Amino acid sequence: MKIVRRTLIAAACLSLLSTGAVNAETIVKTADVVIIGAGASGTSATMAAAEKGAKVILLEKQGVVGGTRNFAEGIFAANSSMQKRQGIIVTPDMAFKTIMEYSHWLANPFVVRAFVNRSADTIEWVKSKGIKFEYIGPGGGGRLDVDLARY
């Protein structure tokens, strides 16, 4: 635990130095799990760890949560209930082929297949935690409405 704490403090110091921040104060916290990045993956990992009873610290360098999801065209899932409700057809096979072609077939096909096949279930799990999605579809990422203080 001491090594992890030292590593996190060192990483925080390097981060502060690289951004030119001044007057930073040291905050010492303890946790079972530390997650770096409050994007879609980080917030989901935070919820999953907290659900299992872990004390979690989620760190984000930006002023808002969302990560690259803030710049994406929308939330991804193949055959999600939201897509079905709006008549958007994205089958797991279509998504798999698109992702693999985008990566020039260099991505690990087993990981991509697992990601695609579990994507709709993952969206339903996130929704079951109280996350609300305003909009799905082309042309905008919508807003992710999440209260991370709950976790």
Protein backbone atom coordinates (compact mmCIF):
# COMPACT_ATOMS: atom_id res chain seq x y z
CA MET A 1 0.00 0.00 0.00
CA LYS A 2 2.90 2.38 0.75
CA ILE A 3 4.33 1.85 -2.73
CA VAL A 4 0.95 2.59 -4.34
CA ARG A 5 0.53 5.73 -2.22
CA ARG A 6 4.05 6.93 -3.07
CA THR A 7 3.49 6.25 -6.74
CA LEU A 8 0.21 8.18 -6.73
CA ILE A 9 1.77 11.12 -4.90
CA ALA A 10 4.68 11.13 -7.35
CA ALA A 11 2.29 10.96 -10.31
CA ALA A 12 0.23 13.81 -8.89
CA CYS A 13 3.34 15.93 -8.40
CA LEU A 14 4.51 15.25 -11.95
CA SER A 15 1.07 16.07 -13.24
CA LEU A 16 1.02 19.37 -11.37
CA LEU A 17 4.48 20.26 -12.61
CA SER A 18 3.61 19.48 -16.21
CA THR A 19 0.47 21.64 -16.15
CA GLY A 20 2.19 24.58 -14.50
CA ALA A 21 -0.22 24.57 -11.54
CA VAL A 22 0.83 26.55 -8.50
CA ASN A 23 -0.32 26.65 -4.90
CA ALA A 24 -1.37 23.00 -4.98
CA GLU A 25 -2.22 21.47 -1.67
CA THR A 26 -1.52 17.87 -0.75
CA ILE A 27 -4.58 15.80 0.06
CA VAL A 28 -3.93 12.39 1.56
CA LYS A 29 -6.66 9.80 1.04
CA THR A 30 -6.80 6.04 1.34
CA ALA A 31 -8.79 3.70 -0.86
CA ASP A 32 -9.08 0.10 -1.93
CA VAL A 33 -9.15 1.12 -5.59
CA VAL A 34 -7.90 4.24 -7.38
CA ILE A 35 -9.24 4.88 -10.86
CA ILE A 36 -7.57 7.36 -13.18
CA GLY A 37 -9.92 9.02 -15.65
CA ALA A 38 -13.63 9.78 -15.30
CA GLY A 39 -14.64 8.85 -18.80
CA ALA A 40 -17.14 6.13 -19.64
CA SER A 41 -14.78 3.34 -18.58
CA GLY A 42 -13.58 5.08 -15.43
CA THR A 43 -17.05 5.95 -14.20
CA SER A 44 -18.27 2.41 -14.92
CA ALA A 45 -15.27 0.93 -13.10
CA THR A 46 -15.96 3.25 -10.17
CA MET A 47 -19.57 2.12 -9.97
CA ALA A 48 -18.62 -1.56 -10.26
CA ALA A 49 -15.96 -1.34 -7.53
CA ALA A 50 -18.26 0.61 -5.21
CA GLU A 51 -21.02 -1.91 -5.85
CA LYS A 52 -18.67 -4.61 -4.54
CA GLY A 53 -18.04 -2.58 -1.37
CA ALA A 54 -14.65 -1.10 -2.24
CA LYS A 55 -13.67 2.39 -1.14
CA VAL A 56 -12.92 4.09 -4.45
CA ILE A 57 -11.11 7.26 -5.45
CA LEU A 58 -11.77 8.50 -8.99
CA LEU A 59 -9.28 11.04 -10.38
CA GLU A 60 -9.96 13.23 -13.41
CA LYS A 61 -7.66 15.87 -14.87
CA GLN A 62 -10.41 17.81 -16.65
CA GLY A 63 -12.97 20.07 -15.00
CA VAL A 64 -15.83 17.79 -16.10
CA VAL A 65 -16.39 14.05 -16.26
CA GLY A 66 -16.96 12.26 -19.54
CA GLY A 67 -13.51 11.82 -21.07
CA THR A 68 -13.47 11.33 -24.82
CA ARG A 69 -17.18 10.56 -24.60
CA ASN A 70 -17.62 14.34 -24.51
CA PHE A 71 -16.36 14.43 -28.10
CA ALA A 72 -17.99 11.28 -29.43
CA GLU A 73 -21.13 11.13 -31.52
CA GLY A 74 -22.98 9.07 -28.97
CA ILE A 75 -22.91 6.14 -26.65
CA PHE A 76 -21.97 2.83 -28.20
CA ALA A 77 -23.89 -0.38 -27.92
CA ALA A 78 -24.99 -3.00 -30.40
CA ASN A 79 -28.73 -3.71 -30.10
CA SER A 80 -29.31 -1.56 -27.02
CA SER A 81 -32.88 -0.92 -25.89
CA MET A 82 -32.39 2.79 -26.63
CA GLN A 83 -31.38 2.04 -30.21
CA LYS A 84 -34.23 -0.40 -30.72
CA ARG A 85 -36.72 2.17 -29.38
CA GLN A 86 -35.49 4.71 -31.96
CA GLY A 87 -35.26 2.25 -34.85
CA ILE A 88 -31.44 2.39 -35.01
CA ILE A 89 -30.12 -0.94 -36.23
CA VAL A 90 -26.59 -1.83 -35.15
CA THR A 91 -26.10 -5.58 -34.86
CA PRO A 92 -23.14 -7.10 -33.01
CA ASP A 93 -21.78 -8.41 -36.31
CA MET A 94 -22.02 -4.96 -37.92
CA ALA A 95 -20.25 -3.34 -34.97
CA PHE A 96 -17.56 -6.03 -34.88
CA LYS A 97 -16.81 -5.62 -38.57
CA THR A 98 -16.72 -1.81 -38.32
CA ILE A 99 -14.34 -1.83 -35.35
CA MET A 100 -12.06 -4.44 -36.93
CA GLU A 101 -11.95 -2.61 -40.26
CA TYR A 102 -11.24 0.70 -38.50
CA SER A 103 -8.24 -0.95 -36.82
CA HIS A 104 -7.16 -2.57 -40.13
CA TRP A 105 -7.88 -5.91 -38.43
CA LEU A 106 -5.06 -5.28 -35.94
CA ALA A 107 -7.32 -5.13 -32.87
CA ASN A 108 -7.65 -8.30 -30.82
CA PRO A 109 -10.76 -9.93 -32.33
CA PHE A 110 -11.58 -11.81 -29.10
CA VAL A 111 -11.59 -8.58 -27.08
CA VAL A 112 -13.58 -6.71 -29.74
CA ARG A 113 -16.14 -9.51 -29.95
CA ALA A 114 -16.54 -9.61 -26.16
CA PHE A 115 -16.87 -5.80 -26.04
CA VAL A 116 -19.50 -5.77 -28.78
CA ASN A 117 -21.45 -8.74 -27.47
CA ARG A 118 -21.71 -7.30 -23.93
CA SER A 119 -22.29 -3.68 -24.97
CA ALA A 120 -26.11 -3.68 -24.73
CA ASP A 121 -26.00 -5.47 -21.36
CA THR A 122 -23.45 -2.93 -20.14
CA ILE A 123 -25.70 -0.01 -21.11
CA GLU A 124 -28.62 -1.64 -19.26
CA TRP A 125 -26.40 -2.11 -16.18
CA VAL A 126 -25.36 1.55 -16.29
CA LYS A 127 -29.00 2.63 -16.65
CA SER A 128 -29.94 0.43 -13.68
CA LYS A 129 -27.56 2.53 -11.58
CA GLY A 130 -29.59 5.66 -12.28
CA ILE A 131 -27.61 6.99 -15.23
CA LYS A 132 -29.85 8.77 -17.71
CA PHE A 133 -29.06 9.35 -21.36
CA GLU A 134 -30.63 12.37 -23.04
CA TYR A 135 -30.02 11.47 -26.65
CA ILE A 136 -28.58 8.77 -28.81
CA GLY A 137 -27.95 8.85 -32.50
CA PRO A 138 -25.76 10.57 -35.05
CA GLY A 139 -24.81 14.18 -34.63
CA GLY A 140 -24.20 14.55 -30.94
CA GLY A 141 -23.01 12.82 -27.82
CA GLY A 142 -25.81 14.07 -25.64
CA ARG A 143 -25.28 14.62 -21.98
CA LEU A 144 -24.37 11.98 -19.45
CA ASP A 145 -26.37 12.71 -16.30
CA VAL A 146 -24.46 11.11 -13.43
CA ASP A 147 -24.00 11.99 -9.78
CA LEU A 148 -20.60 10.49 -8.95
CA ALA A 149 -21.02 11.48 -5.32
CA ARG A 150 -23.42 8.53 -5.03
CA TYR A 151 -20.53 6.12 -5.51
